[in-house]
Amino acid sequence: MKIRKSFVSNSSTTSFIIYGVVFGEEVTEDLESIAAELELEYHVGQEGYNRYIGRSYDSIKDDETGKQFKESIEKKLKERFGEDINVSHHEEAWYDG
């Protein structure tokens, strides 16, 4: 018999943690297509106000360092959106029930 001693999440909870960029609703570009083009993930925050492009930490490859992970994301995003874009850690969680 297995006994789970760690946190068990409710199936109605939605959350994500990424390293990337957050865009508000004022950005009208098709960010989902841009994320696919850049081979990055696309997430929509609660209520749909914020949209995120980046990579989740669980996508770090076995032969990739944390520094390489961040640099690869920053390079793609800055080439597409310009050097002034703020690339950082983002997380969001909410209960849907």
N, C-alpha and C. Protein backbone atom coordinates (compact mmCIF):
# COMPACT_ATOMS: atom_id res chain seq x y z
N MET A 1 0.84 -1.18 0.00
CA MET A 1 0.00 0.00 0.00
C MET A 1 0.88 1.24 0.00
N LYS A 2 0.55 2.23 -0.86
CA LYS A 2 1.27 3.49 -0.91
C LYS A 2 0.58 4.51 -0.02
N ILE A 3 1.38 5.25 0.74
CA ILE A 3 0.85 6.35 1.53
C ILE A 3 1.51 7.62 1.04
N ARG A 4 0.69 8.57 0.62
CA ARG A 4 1.22 9.83 0.10
C ARG A 4 1.35 10.80 1.26
N LYS A 5 2.58 11.29 1.49
CA LYS A 5 2.85 12.20 2.59
C LYS A 5 3.05 13.64 2.11
N SER A 6 3.12 13.83 0.80
CA SER A 6 3.35 15.18 0.28
C SER A 6 2.02 15.85 -0.07
N PHE A 7 2.11 17.10 -0.48
CA PHE A 7 0.94 17.89 -0.83
C PHE A 7 0.19 17.26 -2.00
N VAL A 8 -1.09 17.16 -1.90
CA VAL A 8 -1.94 16.65 -2.97
C VAL A 8 -2.77 17.83 -3.46
N SER A 9 -2.66 18.14 -4.74
CA SER A 9 -3.40 19.29 -5.25
C SER A 9 -4.82 18.90 -5.64
N ASN A 10 -5.71 19.83 -5.52
CA ASN A 10 -7.08 19.66 -5.94
C ASN A 10 -7.12 19.71 -7.46
N SER A 11 -7.89 18.87 -8.08
CA SER A 11 -7.93 18.83 -9.54
C SER A 11 -8.51 20.11 -10.13
N SER A 12 -9.17 20.92 -9.33
CA SER A 12 -9.74 22.17 -9.83
C SER A 12 -8.76 23.34 -9.71
N THR A 13 -7.56 23.08 -9.27
CA THR A 13 -6.56 24.13 -9.14
C THR A 13 -5.73 24.20 -10.42
N THR A 14 -5.55 25.41 -10.92
CA THR A 14 -4.75 25.63 -12.12
C THR A 14 -3.54 26.45 -11.72
N SER A 15 -2.36 26.08 -12.19
CA SER A 15 -1.17 26.85 -11.86
C SER A 15 -0.07 26.59 -12.86
N PHE A 16 0.87 27.53 -12.92
CA PHE A 16 2.06 27.34 -13.73
C PHE A 16 3.17 28.21 -13.19
N ILE A 17 4.39 27.79 -13.45
CA ILE A 17 5.59 28.54 -13.11
C ILE A 17 6.46 28.52 -14.35
N ILE A 18 6.83 29.71 -14.84
CA ILE A 18 7.68 29.77 -16.03
C ILE A 18 8.76 30.83 -15.85
N TYR A 19 9.75 30.74 -16.70
CA TYR A 19 10.74 31.80 -16.87
C TYR A 19 10.43 32.37 -18.24
N GLY A 20 10.05 33.65 -18.26
CA GLY A 20 9.66 34.25 -19.53
C GLY A 20 9.15 35.67 -19.35
N VAL A 21 8.13 36.01 -20.13
CA VAL A 21 7.59 37.37 -20.20
C VAL A 21 6.09 37.34 -19.98
N VAL A 22 5.58 38.37 -19.32
CA VAL A 22 4.13 38.52 -19.16
C VAL A 22 3.68 39.71 -20.01
N PHE A 23 2.56 39.53 -20.69
CA PHE A 23 1.97 40.59 -21.50
C PHE A 23 0.56 40.86 -20.98
N GLY A 24 0.20 42.11 -20.90
CA GLY A 24 -1.15 42.49 -20.50
C GLY A 24 -2.10 42.44 -21.68
N GLU A 25 -3.36 42.77 -21.41
CA GLU A 25 -4.37 42.69 -22.45
C GLU A 25 -4.22 43.75 -23.54
N GLU A 26 -3.37 44.77 -23.30
CA GLU A 26 -3.16 45.80 -24.31
C GLU A 26 -2.35 45.31 -25.51
N VAL A 27 -1.67 44.19 -25.37
CA VAL A 27 -0.89 43.62 -26.48
C VAL A 27 -1.87 42.86 -27.38
N THR A 28 -1.93 43.25 -28.63
CA THR A 28 -2.91 42.66 -29.54
C THR A 28 -2.31 41.61 -30.47
N GLU A 29 -1.01 41.40 -30.41
CA GLU A 29 -0.38 40.39 -31.26
C GLU A 29 -0.88 39.00 -30.88
N ASP A 30 -0.80 38.06 -31.83
CA ASP A 30 -1.17 36.68 -31.59
C ASP A 30 -0.02 35.99 -30.85
N LEU A 31 -0.02 36.11 -29.53
CA LEU A 31 1.09 35.61 -28.73
C LEU A 31 1.18 34.08 -28.75
N GLU A 32 0.07 33.42 -28.92
CA GLU A 32 0.11 31.95 -28.98
C GLU A 32 0.90 31.49 -30.21
N SER A 33 0.69 32.14 -31.33
CA SER A 33 1.44 31.80 -32.55
C SER A 33 2.91 32.17 -32.42
N ILE A 34 3.18 33.31 -31.79
CA ILE A 34 4.57 33.74 -31.58
C ILE A 34 5.30 32.74 -30.70
N ALA A 35 4.65 32.29 -29.62
CA ALA A 35 5.26 31.29 -28.73
C ALA A 35 5.58 30.00 -29.49
N ALA A 36 4.67 29.56 -30.32
CA ALA A 36 4.90 28.35 -31.11
C ALA A 36 6.07 28.55 -32.07
N GLU A 37 6.12 29.71 -32.69
CA GLU A 37 7.21 30.05 -33.61
C GLU A 37 8.56 30.03 -32.90
N LEU A 38 8.59 30.51 -31.65
CA LEU A 38 9.82 30.57 -30.86
C LEU A 38 10.11 29.27 -30.13
N GLU A 39 9.22 28.28 -30.26
CA GLU A 39 9.31 27.01 -29.55
C GLU A 39 9.32 27.21 -28.04
N LEU A 40 8.40 28.08 -27.58
CA LEU A 40 8.22 28.35 -26.17
C LEU A 40 6.77 28.04 -25.80
N GLU A 41 6.50 28.04 -24.50
CA GLU A 41 5.15 27.75 -24.02
C GLU A 41 4.33 29.03 -23.96
N TYR A 42 3.03 28.88 -24.06
CA TYR A 42 2.08 29.99 -23.97
C TYR A 42 1.09 29.65 -22.87
N HIS A 43 0.88 30.57 -21.94
CA HIS A 43 -0.08 30.38 -20.86
C HIS A 43 -0.96 31.62 -20.75
N VAL A 44 -2.21 31.41 -20.40
CA VAL A 44 -3.13 32.51 -20.14
C VAL A 44 -3.44 32.50 -18.66
N GLY A 45 -3.30 33.66 -18.03
CA GLY A 45 -3.55 33.77 -16.60
C GLY A 45 -5.03 33.81 -16.28
N GLN A 46 -5.31 33.85 -15.01
CA GLN A 46 -6.69 33.91 -14.53
C GLN A 46 -7.40 35.10 -15.15
N GLU A 47 -8.63 34.91 -15.52
CA GLU A 47 -9.46 35.95 -16.14
C GLU A 47 -8.97 36.35 -17.53
N GLY A 48 -7.87 35.79 -18.02
CA GLY A 48 -7.38 36.08 -19.35
C GLY A 48 -6.68 37.40 -19.53
N TYR A 49 -6.45 38.14 -18.42
CA TYR A 49 -5.83 39.46 -18.53
C TYR A 49 -4.35 39.37 -18.88
N ASN A 50 -3.65 38.49 -18.25
CA ASN A 50 -2.22 38.34 -18.51
C ASN A 50 -1.98 37.11 -19.37
N ARG A 51 -1.03 37.25 -20.29
CA ARG A 51 -0.61 36.14 -21.13
C ARG A 51 0.90 36.02 -21.00
N TYR A 52 1.38 34.80 -20.99
CA TYR A 52 2.78 34.53 -20.71
C TYR A 52 3.41 33.72 -21.83
N ILE A 53 4.67 34.04 -22.13
CA ILE A 53 5.47 33.24 -23.05
C ILE A 53 6.78 32.92 -22.33
N GLY A 54 7.15 31.65 -22.34
CA GLY A 54 8.41 31.24 -21.70
C GLY A 54 8.51 29.73 -21.68
N ARG A 55 9.25 29.23 -20.70
CA ARG A 55 9.40 27.79 -20.52
C ARG A 55 9.21 27.47 -19.05
N SER A 56 8.57 26.35 -18.79
CA SER A 56 8.44 25.90 -17.41
C SER A 56 9.75 25.27 -16.95
N TYR A 57 9.98 25.35 -15.66
CA TYR A 57 11.23 24.82 -15.12
C TYR A 57 11.35 23.32 -15.28
N ASP A 58 10.24 22.63 -15.36
CA ASP A 58 10.33 21.18 -15.54
C ASP A 58 10.71 20.78 -16.97
N SER A 59 10.91 21.78 -17.84
CA SER A 59 11.36 21.48 -19.21
C SER A 59 12.88 21.58 -19.36
N ILE A 60 13.59 21.85 -18.25
CA ILE A 60 15.06 21.91 -18.31
C ILE A 60 15.57 20.52 -18.69
N LYS A 61 16.42 20.48 -19.69
CA LYS A 61 16.96 19.21 -20.16
C LYS A 61 18.06 18.71 -19.21
N ASP A 62 18.32 17.42 -19.24
CA ASP A 62 19.32 16.82 -18.36
C ASP A 62 20.71 17.41 -18.55
N ASP A 63 21.04 17.78 -19.78
CA ASP A 63 22.37 18.32 -20.06
C ASP A 63 22.39 19.85 -20.11
N GLU A 64 21.36 20.49 -19.60
CA GLU A 64 21.24 21.96 -19.65
C GLU A 64 21.37 22.53 -18.24
N THR A 65 22.22 23.54 -18.09
CA THR A 65 22.34 24.20 -16.79
C THR A 65 21.22 25.22 -16.64
N GLY A 66 21.00 25.68 -15.42
CA GLY A 66 20.02 26.73 -15.18
C GLY A 66 20.35 27.99 -15.96
N LYS A 67 21.63 28.30 -16.04
CA LYS A 67 22.08 29.49 -16.78
C LYS A 67 21.77 29.34 -18.27
N GLN A 68 22.05 28.18 -18.83
CA GLN A 68 21.76 27.93 -20.24
C GLN A 68 20.26 28.00 -20.51
N PHE A 69 19.46 27.46 -19.60
CA PHE A 69 18.01 27.50 -19.69
C PHE A 69 17.53 28.95 -19.81
N LYS A 70 17.96 29.79 -18.88
CA LYS A 70 17.54 31.20 -18.87
C LYS A 70 18.06 31.96 -20.09
N GLU A 71 19.32 31.75 -20.43
CA GLU A 71 19.92 32.47 -21.57
C GLU A 71 19.22 32.12 -22.88
N SER A 72 18.84 30.86 -23.07
CA SER A 72 18.18 30.48 -24.32
C SER A 72 16.81 31.15 -24.46
N ILE A 73 16.09 31.26 -23.36
CA ILE A 73 14.78 31.91 -23.36
C ILE A 73 14.94 33.41 -23.60
N GLU A 74 15.87 34.03 -22.87
CA GLU A 74 16.10 35.46 -23.02
C GLU A 74 16.50 35.81 -24.46
N LYS A 75 17.36 35.00 -25.05
CA LYS A 75 17.82 35.26 -26.42
C LYS A 75 16.64 35.28 -27.39
N LYS A 76 15.80 34.25 -27.33
CA LYS A 76 14.66 34.17 -28.23
C LYS A 76 13.71 35.35 -28.04
N LEU A 77 13.39 35.66 -26.78
CA LEU A 77 12.42 36.72 -26.51
C LEU A 77 12.96 38.10 -26.86
N LYS A 78 14.23 38.35 -26.58
CA LYS A 78 14.81 39.66 -26.88
C LYS A 78 15.01 39.86 -28.38
N GLU A 79 15.31 38.80 -29.10
CA GLU A 79 15.42 38.92 -30.56
C GLU A 79 14.06 39.25 -31.16
N ARG A 80 12.99 38.71 -30.59
CA ARG A 80 11.64 38.92 -31.13
C ARG A 80 11.01 40.23 -30.67
N PHE A 81 11.19 40.59 -29.38
CA PHE A 81 10.49 41.74 -28.81
C PHE A 81 11.40 42.92 -28.46
N GLY A 82 12.72 42.77 -28.60
CA GLY A 82 13.64 43.86 -28.30
C GLY A 82 14.34 43.69 -26.97
N GLU A 83 15.45 44.35 -26.83
CA GLU A 83 16.31 44.23 -25.65
C GLU A 83 15.67 44.73 -24.36
N ASP A 84 14.68 45.60 -24.44
CA ASP A 84 14.08 46.20 -23.25
C ASP A 84 13.05 45.29 -22.56
N ILE A 85 12.75 44.17 -23.16
CA ILE A 85 11.73 43.29 -22.58
C ILE A 85 12.24 42.68 -21.27
N ASN A 86 11.35 42.59 -20.28
CA ASN A 86 11.71 42.09 -18.95
C ASN A 86 11.44 40.59 -18.86
N VAL A 87 12.50 39.80 -18.92
CA VAL A 87 12.39 38.35 -18.84
C VAL A 87 12.69 37.95 -17.40
N SER A 88 11.75 37.24 -16.77
CA SER A 88 11.93 36.86 -15.37
C SER A 88 11.02 35.68 -15.01
N HIS A 89 11.03 35.34 -13.75
CA HIS A 89 10.24 34.24 -13.19
C HIS A 89 8.79 34.72 -13.02
N HIS A 90 7.84 33.91 -13.46
CA HIS A 90 6.41 34.22 -13.29
C HIS A 90 5.68 32.98 -12.81
N GLU A 91 4.75 33.19 -11.91
CA GLU A 91 3.92 32.08 -11.48
C GLU A 91 2.52 32.58 -11.21
N GLU A 92 1.57 31.71 -11.43
CA GLU A 92 0.20 32.06 -11.19
C GLU A 92 -0.54 30.80 -10.78
N ALA A 93 -1.46 30.93 -9.85
CA ALA A 93 -2.28 29.81 -9.41
C ALA A 93 -3.64 30.34 -8.98
N TRP A 94 -4.67 29.54 -9.24
CA TRP A 94 -6.00 29.92 -8.83
C TRP A 94 -6.86 28.68 -8.72
N TYR A 95 -7.94 28.82 -8.00
CA TYR A 95 -8.88 27.72 -7.79
C TYR A 95 -10.08 27.95 -8.69
N ASP A 96 -10.42 26.97 -9.51
CA ASP A 96 -11.52 27.09 -10.45
C ASP A 96 -12.88 26.67 -9.89
N GLY A 97 -12.89 26.13 -8.70
CA GLY A 97 -14.13 25.54 -8.18
C GLY A 97 -15.01 26.43 -7.42
